[in-house]
Amino acid sequence: MTTQNEIRPQHQWVSYLPGFIRSRLAGRHSLHAILSNAGWLLLDRVVRMGVGVIVTVLIARYLGPNRFGSLNFAMAFVALFGTITSLGLDMIIVREVVRDISRAGVIVGTALTLRIGASFLAVATSILVLRAVQPHDRTSLALVSILSATLVLQAFDTLDAFFQSQVQSRLTVWAKNSAFLLMTAWRLLLIRLAAPLWTFAAAQVIELTLGAIGMLIGYYRVYGTFLNWRYRRDQAVDLLRQSWPVIMSSMAIMIYMRIDMVMLKVMQGDTAVGLYSAAARVSEVWYFIPSVIVSSVSPAIIRAKPNPSLYYGRLRQLFCIVTLVAVVIGSAVAMTSHLIIRLLYSSAYEPASAILSVHIWASIFVFQGVAQSVWDFSEGLLKLSLYRTVAGAILNIGLNLFLIPRFAGMGAAVATVIAYSMAAVFGNIFSGRTRPIFYMQMKAYVPTALWRRHETVG
């Protein structure tokens, strides 16, 4: 296999930077690669978020709350089984390949085999569970049967993890964004042609198929062969041994992110799901912000760990920043929720405005939880994070069972806010090791740490 050092990609973008920045980057090829990789990932997020929101709104307007609810229920239901396909292996693949590039063929081949096997199990399980939960809903069965094919295609995200390990995420971005933009045009054509509901589910499958083919082509063009991919049983056992906490955590996260739509469908019907989905899409579009902030400042925080005063000072400042941003976004969206829903979705979705004005406040706890992930990783407390996530998922299910029959989508929104607060913030009270972080999160509502010169994040 060709190694990363042998490829030595050229980063022409450096020539467009100001001279004083170019001088600092001169000769630092590893830093060039890291910045280029981060830029491609940011481009991927921006394109998908911007274009995706517009297309989703147009699809929602065309389908109306009832059919839009049917589509979102099917997507949420299939997503619940996506963690079975991923097996929590992404970061483990990255780490293992970085440690020993000579074993990349075995790692990729083994992980891909495991994921393909798990994906067929996930497809069968999703369809069987749906037949048990909604035995007479032919529309949902058809949509879930179509969308379940995406579970098999997600197995090829193994290549994405490999590209990340080689700082070659541009290959993933090219493949997936090309497929995304092509199918975006196709979705717009479907709206123009007044196509039936199932075609929008099929478009999702085609997009992932094209993305997988693009990644395979990108891999072959750079590395030249697939023949070094091999499955080894001992490697499979080792990967699964490392990944089980991530699998459990991912399942819990997916439950409290998507179970509300499934329970709304069962208890209130498709229209309730459509209204809730419209509000949730607007609320969740902001969730990329803390990831961008944390990825920028986490190296400075981790480097400061030998100096406790500076280390915790930077953590306090991070919590203040993300909390302030979340409060500003939450306030702005809550006060204009009625206008946002009418402008984006039309008057048919007007009841979603009240749901949005509540659901948006979950962003505060999401932002604080992402900020805490730096500390959890640095302190080796990922198992405690798993426990909080599982507690949040259980709480979400319990609250949904109580609130949805009484308040429909508004009840699901309240349940989401409370569950996120438990998983990301208030769960920290129950452990002596995380209680200081809880106090830090509470103090972030009075952001005095932002103005302390000796606690600069940079």
Protein backbone atom coordinates (compact mmCIF):
# COMPACT_ATOMS: atom_id res chain seq x y z
CA MET A 1 0.00 0.00 0.00
CA THR A 2 1.15 3.52 -0.75
CA THR A 3 1.77 5.38 2.49
CA GLN A 4 0.75 8.91 3.26
CA ASN A 5 4.36 10.06 3.22
CA GLU A 6 4.78 8.73 -0.31
CA ILE A 7 1.72 10.60 -1.59
CA ARG A 8 2.84 14.09 -0.43
CA PRO A 9 -0.20 15.98 -1.77
CA GLN A 10 0.29 19.56 -2.84
CA HIS A 11 -1.75 22.15 -0.94
CA GLN A 12 -2.13 24.97 -3.45
CA TRP A 13 -4.53 26.80 -1.16
CA VAL A 14 -1.56 27.99 0.93
CA SER A 15 -0.49 30.34 -1.87
CA TYR A 16 -3.74 32.32 -1.44
CA LEU A 17 -3.07 33.12 2.22
CA PRO A 18 -1.56 36.42 3.45
CA GLY A 19 2.24 36.51 3.50
CA PHE A 20 2.63 36.53 7.30
CA ILE A 21 0.53 33.34 7.54
CA ARG A 22 2.40 31.64 4.68
CA SER A 23 5.68 32.32 6.44
CA ARG A 24 4.44 30.56 9.57
CA LEU A 25 3.26 27.55 7.54
CA ALA A 26 6.37 27.26 5.36
CA GLY A 27 7.81 23.73 5.42
CA ARG A 28 5.21 22.43 7.90
CA HIS A 29 3.75 19.76 5.62
CA SER A 30 1.90 17.90 8.39
CA LEU A 31 0.15 21.10 9.45
CA HIS A 32 -0.73 21.81 5.80
CA ALA A 33 -2.37 18.39 5.59
CA ILE A 34 -4.28 18.85 8.86
CA LEU A 35 -5.59 22.30 7.88
CA SER A 36 -6.51 21.09 4.41
CA ASN A 37 -8.32 18.08 5.86
CA ALA A 38 -10.23 20.29 8.32
CA GLY A 39 -11.14 22.65 5.49
CA TRP A 40 -12.61 19.83 3.43
CA LEU A 41 -14.64 18.60 6.41
CA LEU A 42 -15.92 22.13 7.08
CA LEU A 43 -16.86 22.50 3.42
CA ASP A 44 -18.76 19.22 3.64
CA ARG A 45 -20.74 20.45 6.67
CA VAL A 46 -21.51 23.85 5.17
CA VAL A 47 -22.68 22.48 1.81
CA ARG A 48 -24.80 19.76 3.33
CA MET A 49 -26.31 22.01 5.98
CA GLY A 50 -27.08 24.95 3.71
CA VAL A 51 -28.39 23.04 0.70
CA GLY A 52 -29.95 20.33 2.85
CA VAL A 53 -32.11 22.75 4.83
CA ILE A 54 -33.46 24.39 1.67
CA VAL A 55 -34.29 21.06 0.01
CA THR A 56 -35.86 19.67 3.19
CA VAL A 57 -38.11 22.73 3.44
CA LEU A 58 -39.19 22.35 -0.19
CA ILE A 59 -39.92 18.65 0.31
CA ALA A 60 -41.89 19.43 3.48
CA ARG A 61 -43.95 22.04 1.64
CA TYR A 62 -44.67 19.63 -1.20
CA LEU A 63 -45.53 16.59 0.93
CA GLY A 64 -47.50 18.39 3.63
CA PRO A 65 -47.40 17.51 7.36
CA ASN A 66 -48.94 14.03 6.99
CA ARG A 67 -46.72 12.58 4.25
CA PHE A 68 -43.68 14.48 5.54
CA GLY A 69 -44.36 12.82 8.89
CA SER A 70 -44.49 9.39 7.24
CA LEU A 71 -41.11 9.95 5.60
CA ASN A 72 -39.47 11.27 8.77
CA PHE A 73 -40.85 8.42 10.85
CA ALA A 74 -39.34 5.89 8.46
CA MET A 75 -35.98 7.69 8.46
CA ALA A 76 -35.95 7.94 12.27
CA PHE A 77 -36.98 4.30 12.65
CA VAL A 78 -34.20 3.07 10.36
CA ALA A 79 -31.68 5.37 12.09
CA LEU A 80 -32.37 3.59 15.39
CA PHE A 81 -30.72 0.51 13.90
CA GLY A 82 -27.81 2.39 12.34
CA THR A 83 -25.66 1.89 15.42
CA ILE A 84 -25.75 -1.86 14.77
CA THR A 85 -24.19 -1.20 11.38
CA SER A 86 -21.49 1.21 12.56
CA LEU A 87 -20.41 -1.01 15.48
CA GLY A 88 -18.79 2.08 17.01
CA LEU A 89 -15.64 1.47 14.97
CA ASP A 90 -14.92 4.82 13.29
CA MET A 91 -12.47 6.33 15.78
CA ILE A 92 -10.97 2.92 16.54
CA ILE A 93 -10.19 2.41 12.84
CA VAL A 94 -8.57 5.85 12.69
CA ARG A 95 -6.45 5.18 15.76
CA GLU A 96 -5.37 1.66 14.77
CA VAL A 97 -4.36 2.66 11.22
CA VAL A 98 -2.43 5.68 12.53
CA ARG A 99 -0.59 3.41 14.95
CA ASP A 100 0.47 0.95 12.25
CA ILE A 101 -0.17 1.77 8.58
CA SER A 102 1.26 -1.63 7.54
CA ARG A 103 -1.82 -3.32 9.07
CA ALA A 104 -4.30 -1.02 7.28
CA GLY A 105 -5.42 -3.73 4.83
CA VAL A 106 -6.32 -6.11 7.66
CA ILE A 107 -8.01 -3.40 9.72
CA VAL A 108 -10.09 -2.06 6.81
CA GLY A 109 -10.96 -5.54 5.49
CA THR A 110 -11.96 -6.82 8.92
CA ALA A 111 -13.98 -3.74 9.87
CA LEU A 112 -15.79 -3.69 6.51
CA THR A 113 -16.68 -7.39 6.80
CA LEU A 114 -17.99 -6.92 10.34
CA ARG A 115 -20.08 -3.93 9.31
CA ILE A 116 -21.60 -5.60 6.25
CA GLY A 117 -22.57 -8.61 8.35
CA ALA A 118 -24.05 -6.35 11.04
CA SER A 119 -25.93 -4.33 8.41
CA PHE A 120 -27.89 -7.33 7.14
CA LEU A 121 -28.80 -8.14 10.73
CA ALA A 122 -29.94 -4.53 11.18
CA VAL A 123 -32.08 -4.64 8.01
CA ALA A 124 -33.88 -7.81 9.11
CA THR A 125 -34.35 -6.51 12.66
CA SER A 126 -35.76 -3.15 11.56
CA ILE A 127 -38.40 -4.74 9.31
CA LEU A 128 -39.40 -7.37 11.88
CA VAL A 129 -39.71 -4.80 14.67
CA LEU A 130 -41.81 -2.50 12.47
CA ARG A 131 -44.16 -5.35 11.60
CA ALA A 132 -44.62 -5.98 15.31
CA VAL A 133 -45.16 -2.30 16.21
CA GLN A 134 -47.22 -1.19 13.18
CA PRO A 135 -48.57 -4.42 11.60
CA HIS A 136 -51.18 -2.72 9.41
CA ASP A 137 -49.23 0.34 8.23
CA ARG A 138 -48.29 -0.56 4.65
CA THR A 139 -46.89 2.90 3.87
CA SER A 140 -44.41 2.75 6.74
CA LEU A 141 -43.45 -0.83 5.88
CA ALA A 142 -42.71 0.16 2.27
CA LEU A 143 -40.67 3.22 3.28
CA VAL A 144 -38.69 1.36 5.96
CA SER A 145 -38.03 -1.54 3.58
CA ILE A 146 -36.59 0.90 1.02
CA LEU A 147 -34.60 2.96 3.53
CA SER A 148 -33.21 -0.10 5.31
CA ALA A 149 -30.92 -0.55 2.29
CA THR A 150 -29.03 2.51 3.57
CA LEU A 151 -27.91 0.42 6.55
CA VAL A 152 -25.90 -1.83 4.21
CA LEU A 153 -24.44 1.15 2.36
CA GLN A 154 -23.35 2.80 5.62
CA ALA A 155 -20.88 -0.05 6.08
CA PHE A 156 -18.71 1.63 3.44
CA ASP A 157 -18.12 4.53 5.83
CA THR A 158 -15.22 2.31 6.87
CA LEU A 159 -13.40 3.96 3.97
CA ASP A 160 -14.22 7.38 5.38
CA ALA A 161 -12.56 6.41 8.67
CA PHE A 162 -9.51 5.18 6.76
CA PHE A 163 -9.30 8.43 4.78
CA GLN A 164 -9.44 10.38 8.06
CA SER A 165 -6.51 8.36 9.40
CA GLN A 166 -4.51 9.35 6.31
CA VAL A 167 -5.65 13.00 6.42
CA GLN A 168 -7.39 12.41 3.08
CA SER A 169 -10.97 13.43 3.95
CA ARG A 170 -11.14 15.31 0.64
CA LEU A 171 -11.81 11.93 -1.00
CA THR A 172 -14.88 11.41 1.18
CA VAL A 173 -16.07 14.99 0.64
CA TRP A 174 -15.72 14.72 -3.13
CA ALA A 175 -17.56 11.39 -3.23
CA LYS A 176 -20.38 12.19 -0.84
CA ASN A 177 -20.95 15.79 -1.86
CA SER A 178 -21.01 14.90 -5.55
CA ALA A 179 -23.68 12.31 -4.78
CA PHE A 180 -25.52 14.73 -2.49
CA LEU A 181 -25.63 17.55 -5.04
CA LEU A 182 -26.66 15.22 -7.86
CA MET A 183 -29.50 13.76 -5.80
CA THR A 184 -30.49 17.22 -4.59
CA ALA A 185 -31.20 18.12 -8.20
CA TRP A 186 -33.09 14.84 -8.56
CA ARG A 187 -35.23 15.60 -5.47
CA LEU A 188 -36.12 18.99 -6.88
CA LEU A 189 -37.15 17.25 -10.11
CA LEU A 190 -39.29 14.82 -8.08
CA ILE A 191 -41.11 17.79 -6.54
CA ARG A 192 -41.57 19.32 -9.98
CA LEU A 193 -43.00 16.04 -11.32
CA ALA A 194 -45.30 15.59 -8.27
CA ALA A 195 -43.65 12.22 -7.61
CA PRO A 196 -45.05 9.74 -5.06
CA LEU A 197 -43.73 9.53 -1.51
CA TRP A 198 -41.66 6.37 -1.95
CA THR A 199 -39.43 8.03 -4.56
CA PHE A 200 -38.00 10.38 -1.90
CA ALA A 201 -36.99 7.37 0.18
CA ALA A 202 -35.43 5.78 -2.90
CA ALA A 203 -33.46 8.98 -3.52
CA GLN A 204 -31.77 8.54 -0.14
CA VAL A 205 -30.71 5.01 -1.08
CA ILE A 206 -29.37 6.13 -4.47
CA GLU A 207 -27.40 8.96 -2.83
CA LEU A 208 -25.64 6.60 -0.43
CA THR A 209 -24.99 4.14 -3.26
CA LEU A 210 -23.30 6.82 -5.35
CA GLY A 211 -21.33 8.02 -2.31
CA ALA A 212 -20.06 4.50 -1.59
CA ILE A 213 -19.06 4.00 -5.24
CA GLY A 214 -17.28 7.37 -5.19
CA MET A 215 -15.27 6.42 -2.09
CA LEU A 216 -14.29 3.09 -3.63
CA ILE A 217 -13.13 4.88 -6.79
CA GLY A 218 -11.20 7.44 -4.70
CA TYR A 219 -9.53 4.68 -2.70
CA TYR A 220 -8.53 2.78 -5.84
CA ARG A 221 -7.15 5.85 -7.61
CA VAL A 222 -4.95 6.79 -4.65
CA TYR A 223 -3.97 3.40 -3.25
CA GLY A 224 -4.22 1.27 -6.40
CA THR A 225 -5.71 -1.99 -5.14
CA PHE A 226 -8.29 -3.67 -2.92
CA LEU A 227 -6.35 -6.94 -2.84
CA ASN A 228 -4.71 -6.18 0.51
CA TRP A 229 -8.09 -6.13 2.29
CA ARG A 230 -8.25 -9.22 4.47
CA TYR A 231 -10.51 -10.44 7.25
CA ARG A 232 -8.84 -11.82 10.37
CA ARG A 233 -10.78 -13.30 13.23
CA ASP A 234 -8.37 -12.14 15.93
CA GLN A 235 -8.54 -8.60 14.56
CA ALA A 236 -12.36 -8.76 14.58
CA VAL A 237 -12.39 -9.85 18.22
CA ASP A 238 -10.00 -7.05 19.16
CA LEU A 239 -12.04 -4.39 17.34
CA LEU A 240 -15.32 -5.49 18.93
CA ARG A 241 -13.70 -5.67 22.38
CA GLN A 242 -12.67 -2.03 22.05
CA SER A 243 -15.90 -0.79 20.51
CA TRP A 244 -18.63 -2.09 22.81
CA PRO A 245 -18.77 1.03 25.06
CA VAL A 246 -19.04 3.20 21.93
CA ILE A 247 -21.83 0.96 20.56
CA MET A 248 -23.80 1.30 23.79
CA SER A 249 -23.28 5.06 23.92
CA SER A 250 -24.22 5.49 20.25
CA MET A 251 -27.38 3.44 20.73
CA ALA A 252 -28.38 5.54 23.72
CA ILE A 253 -27.72 8.79 21.83
CA MET A 254 -29.74 7.60 18.84
CA ILE A 255 -32.61 6.56 21.12
CA TYR A 256 -33.01 9.93 22.77
CA MET A 257 -32.49 11.75 19.45
CA ARG A 258 -34.98 9.73 17.36
CA ILE A 259 -37.28 7.73 19.64
CA ASP A 260 -39.58 10.75 20.02
CA MET A 261 -40.61 10.56 16.33
CA VAL A 262 -41.22 6.81 16.58
CA MET A 263 -43.35 7.20 19.71
CA LEU A 264 -45.23 10.17 18.21
CA LYS A 265 -46.11 8.03 15.19
CA VAL A 266 -47.42 5.17 17.32
CA MET A 267 -49.39 7.41 19.72
CA GLN A 268 -50.46 10.39 17.58
CA GLY A 269 -50.02 9.56 13.89
CA ASP A 270 -48.10 10.90 10.89
CA THR A 271 -49.26 14.52 11.05
CA ALA A 272 -47.90 14.90 14.59
CA VAL A 273 -44.56 13.52 13.38
CA GLY A 274 -44.54 15.94 10.45
CA LEU A 275 -45.11 18.99 12.65
CA TYR A 276 -42.53 17.85 15.20
CA SER A 277 -39.97 17.05 12.48
CA ALA A 278 -40.34 20.51 10.97
CA ALA A 279 -39.56 22.12 14.34
CA ALA A 280 -36.74 19.71 15.17
CA ARG A 281 -34.98 20.31 11.83
CA VAL A 282 -34.76 24.04 12.57
CA SER A 283 -33.66 23.43 16.15
CA GLU A 284 -30.99 20.84 15.33
CA VAL A 285 -29.42 22.74 12.44
CA TRP A 286 -27.33 24.66 15.00
CA TYR A 287 -25.76 21.58 16.59
CA PHE A 288 -22.64 21.73 14.42
CA ILE A 289 -21.51 24.97 16.13
CA PRO A 290 -20.16 23.49 19.40
CA SER A 291 -18.26 20.82 17.45
CA VAL A 292 -16.49 23.51 15.44
CA ILE A 293 -15.66 25.50 18.59
CA VAL A 294 -14.47 22.47 20.54
CA SER A 295 -12.32 21.11 17.71
CA SER A 296 -10.61 24.51 17.55
CA VAL A 297 -9.82 24.92 21.24
CA SER A 298 -9.46 21.34 22.51
CA PRO A 299 -5.71 21.07 21.68
CA ALA A 300 -5.01 24.20 23.77
CA ILE A 301 -7.07 22.80 26.66
CA ILE A 302 -5.40 19.39 26.59
CA ARG A 303 -1.90 20.95 26.38
CA ALA A 304 -2.69 22.97 29.51
CA LYS A 305 -3.49 19.89 31.63
CA PRO A 306 -0.12 19.94 33.51
CA ASN A 307 -1.08 23.42 34.75
CA PRO A 308 -4.42 22.89 36.63
CA SER A 309 -5.14 26.61 36.98
CA LEU A 310 -4.75 27.24 33.25
CA TYR A 311 -6.44 23.92 32.34
CA TYR A 312 -9.63 24.60 34.30
CA GLY A 313 -9.55 28.27 33.40
CA ARG A 314 -9.69 27.38 29.72
CA LEU A 315 -12.47 24.87 30.37
CA ARG A 316 -14.48 27.56 32.18
CA GLN A 317 -14.01 29.89 29.25
CA LEU A 318 -15.09 27.21 26.79
CA PHE A 319 -18.28 26.55 28.77
CA CYS A 320 -18.98 30.28 28.89
CA ILE A 321 -18.56 30.65 25.12
CA VAL A 322 -20.78 27.73 24.11
CA THR A 323 -23.43 28.61 26.70
CA LEU A 324 -23.55 32.24 25.59
CA VAL A 325 -23.87 31.21 21.93
CA ALA A 326 -26.63 28.70 22.77
CA VAL A 327 -28.59 31.22 24.86
CA VAL A 328 -28.42 33.82 22.07
CA ILE A 329 -29.57 31.30 19.45
CA GLY A 330 -32.28 29.92 21.73
CA SER A 331 -33.64 33.36 22.56
CA ALA A 332 -33.66 34.51 18.94
CA VAL A 333 -35.34 31.36 17.62
CA ALA A 334 -37.89 31.15 20.45
CA MET A 335 -38.99 34.76 19.97
CA THR A 336 -39.33 34.38 16.18
CA SER A 337 -40.49 30.74 15.99
CA HIS A 338 -43.88 31.66 14.53
CA LEU A 339 -42.28 33.74 11.77
CA ILE A 340 -39.62 31.08 11.04
CA ILE A 341 -42.16 28.29 10.62
CA ARG A 342 -44.46 30.35 8.41
CA LEU A 343 -41.61 31.56 6.18
CA LEU A 344 -39.97 28.16 5.83
CA TYR A 345 -42.82 25.67 5.82
CA SER A 346 -46.06 27.63 5.12
CA SER A 347 -49.17 28.03 7.25
CA ALA A 348 -49.89 24.28 7.09
CA TYR A 349 -47.11 23.79 9.66
CA GLU A 350 -48.15 26.65 11.95
CA PRO A 351 -48.67 24.42 15.05
CA ALA A 352 -44.93 23.55 14.83
CA SER A 353 -43.99 27.07 15.98
CA ALA A 354 -44.90 26.36 19.59
CA ILE A 355 -42.94 23.09 19.47
CA LEU A 356 -39.91 24.94 18.07
CA SER A 357 -40.04 27.58 20.83
CA VAL A 358 -39.56 24.76 23.38
CA HIS A 359 -37.33 22.33 21.46
CA ILE A 360 -34.71 25.01 20.70
CA TRP A 361 -33.73 25.18 24.39
CA ALA A 362 -32.28 21.68 24.17
CA SER A 363 -29.40 23.35 22.31
CA ILE A 364 -28.04 24.80 25.57
CA PHE A 365 -27.52 21.32 27.00
CA VAL A 366 -26.26 19.91 23.70
CA PHE A 367 -23.66 22.69 23.48
CA GLN A 368 -22.54 22.16 27.09
CA GLY A 369 -22.38 18.40 26.59
CA VAL A 370 -20.13 18.74 23.54
CA ALA A 371 -17.88 21.11 25.51
CA GLN A 372 -17.62 18.58 28.33
CA SER A 373 -16.48 15.88 25.89
CA VAL A 374 -13.02 17.46 25.89
CA TRP A 375 -12.75 17.01 29.65
CA ASP A 376 -14.26 13.48 29.57
CA PHE A 377 -11.67 12.41 27.01
CA SER A 378 -8.76 14.14 28.75
CA GLU A 379 -9.65 12.62 32.13
CA GLY A 380 -10.49 9.14 30.80
CA LEU A 381 -14.12 9.30 31.96
CA LEU A 382 -15.87 8.02 28.85
CA LYS A 383 -17.70 5.32 30.83
CA LEU A 384 -19.32 7.96 33.04
CA SER A 385 -20.39 9.72 29.86
CA LEU A 386 -21.97 6.44 28.72
CA TYR A 387 -23.90 6.12 31.97
CA ARG A 388 -25.27 9.67 31.65
CA THR A 389 -26.28 9.04 28.06
CA VAL A 390 -28.11 5.81 28.94
CA ALA A 391 -29.88 7.59 31.81
CA GLY A 392 -30.95 10.35 29.40
CA ALA A 393 -32.32 7.80 26.93
CA ILE A 394 -34.33 5.98 29.62
CA LEU A 395 -35.67 9.26 30.96
CA ASN A 396 -36.66 10.37 27.44
CA ILE A 397 -38.66 7.20 26.83
CA GLY A 398 -40.42 7.49 30.20
CA LEU A 399 -41.30 11.15 29.70
CA ASN A 400 -42.53 10.50 26.16
CA LEU A 401 -44.84 7.75 27.42
CA PHE A 402 -46.36 10.24 29.88
CA LEU A 403 -46.32 13.49 27.87
CA ILE A 404 -47.05 12.52 24.25
CA PRO A 405 -50.59 11.17 24.89
CA ARG A 406 -51.41 14.43 26.68
CA PHE A 407 -49.56 17.08 24.67
CA ALA A 408 -48.51 15.38 21.36
CA GLY A 409 -45.49 17.10 19.76
CA MET A 410 -45.18 19.67 22.54
CA GLY A 411 -44.84 16.81 25.03
CA ALA A 412 -42.09 15.24 22.94
CA ALA A 413 -40.25 18.59 22.83
CA VAL A 414 -40.43 18.96 26.62
CA ALA A 415 -39.20 15.37 27.03
CA THR A 416 -36.28 16.07 24.71
CA VAL A 417 -35.17 19.18 26.62
CA ILE A 418 -35.33 17.40 29.99
CA ALA A 419 -33.56 14.27 28.69
CA TYR A 420 -30.75 16.31 27.11
CA SER A 421 -30.34 18.28 30.34
CA MET A 422 -29.92 15.04 32.30
CA ALA A 423 -27.50 13.43 29.85
CA ALA A 424 -25.32 16.51 29.34
CA VAL A 425 -25.52 18.52 32.57
CA PHE A 426 -27.52 17.37 35.59
CA GLY A 427 -26.24 13.81 35.38
CA ASN A 428 -22.88 15.23 36.48
CA ILE A 429 -24.29 15.80 39.98
CA PHE A 430 -24.35 12.08 40.76
CA SER A 431 -20.60 11.48 40.59
CA GLY A 432 -17.96 13.15 42.72
CA ARG A 433 -15.59 13.12 39.74
CA THR A 434 -17.96 15.09 37.50
CA ARG A 435 -19.59 17.35 40.10
CA PRO A 436 -16.98 20.13 39.61
CA ILE A 437 -17.90 20.21 35.92
CA PHE A 438 -21.58 20.62 36.83
CA TYR A 439 -20.72 23.67 38.94
CA MET A 440 -18.65 24.99 36.04
CA GLN A 441 -21.59 24.50 33.66
CA MET A 442 -23.90 26.39 36.02
CA LYS A 443 -21.45 29.27 36.44
CA ALA A 444 -21.27 29.56 32.64
CA TYR A 445 -24.62 31.39 32.73
CA VAL A 446 -22.68 34.28 34.30
CA PRO A 447 -19.78 34.34 31.82
CA THR A 448 -17.19 36.16 33.94
CA ALA A 449 -14.48 33.72 32.79
CA LEU A 450 -14.63 35.30 29.33
CA TRP A 451 -13.01 38.45 30.64
CA ARG A 452 -10.14 36.91 32.64
CA ARG A 453 -6.94 37.58 30.73
CA HIS A 454 -4.99 34.73 32.34
CA GLU A 455 -7.54 32.13 31.15
CA THR A 456 -7.27 32.71 27.41
CA VAL A 457 -8.16 29.65 25.37
CA GLY A 458 -5.68 30.31 22.57
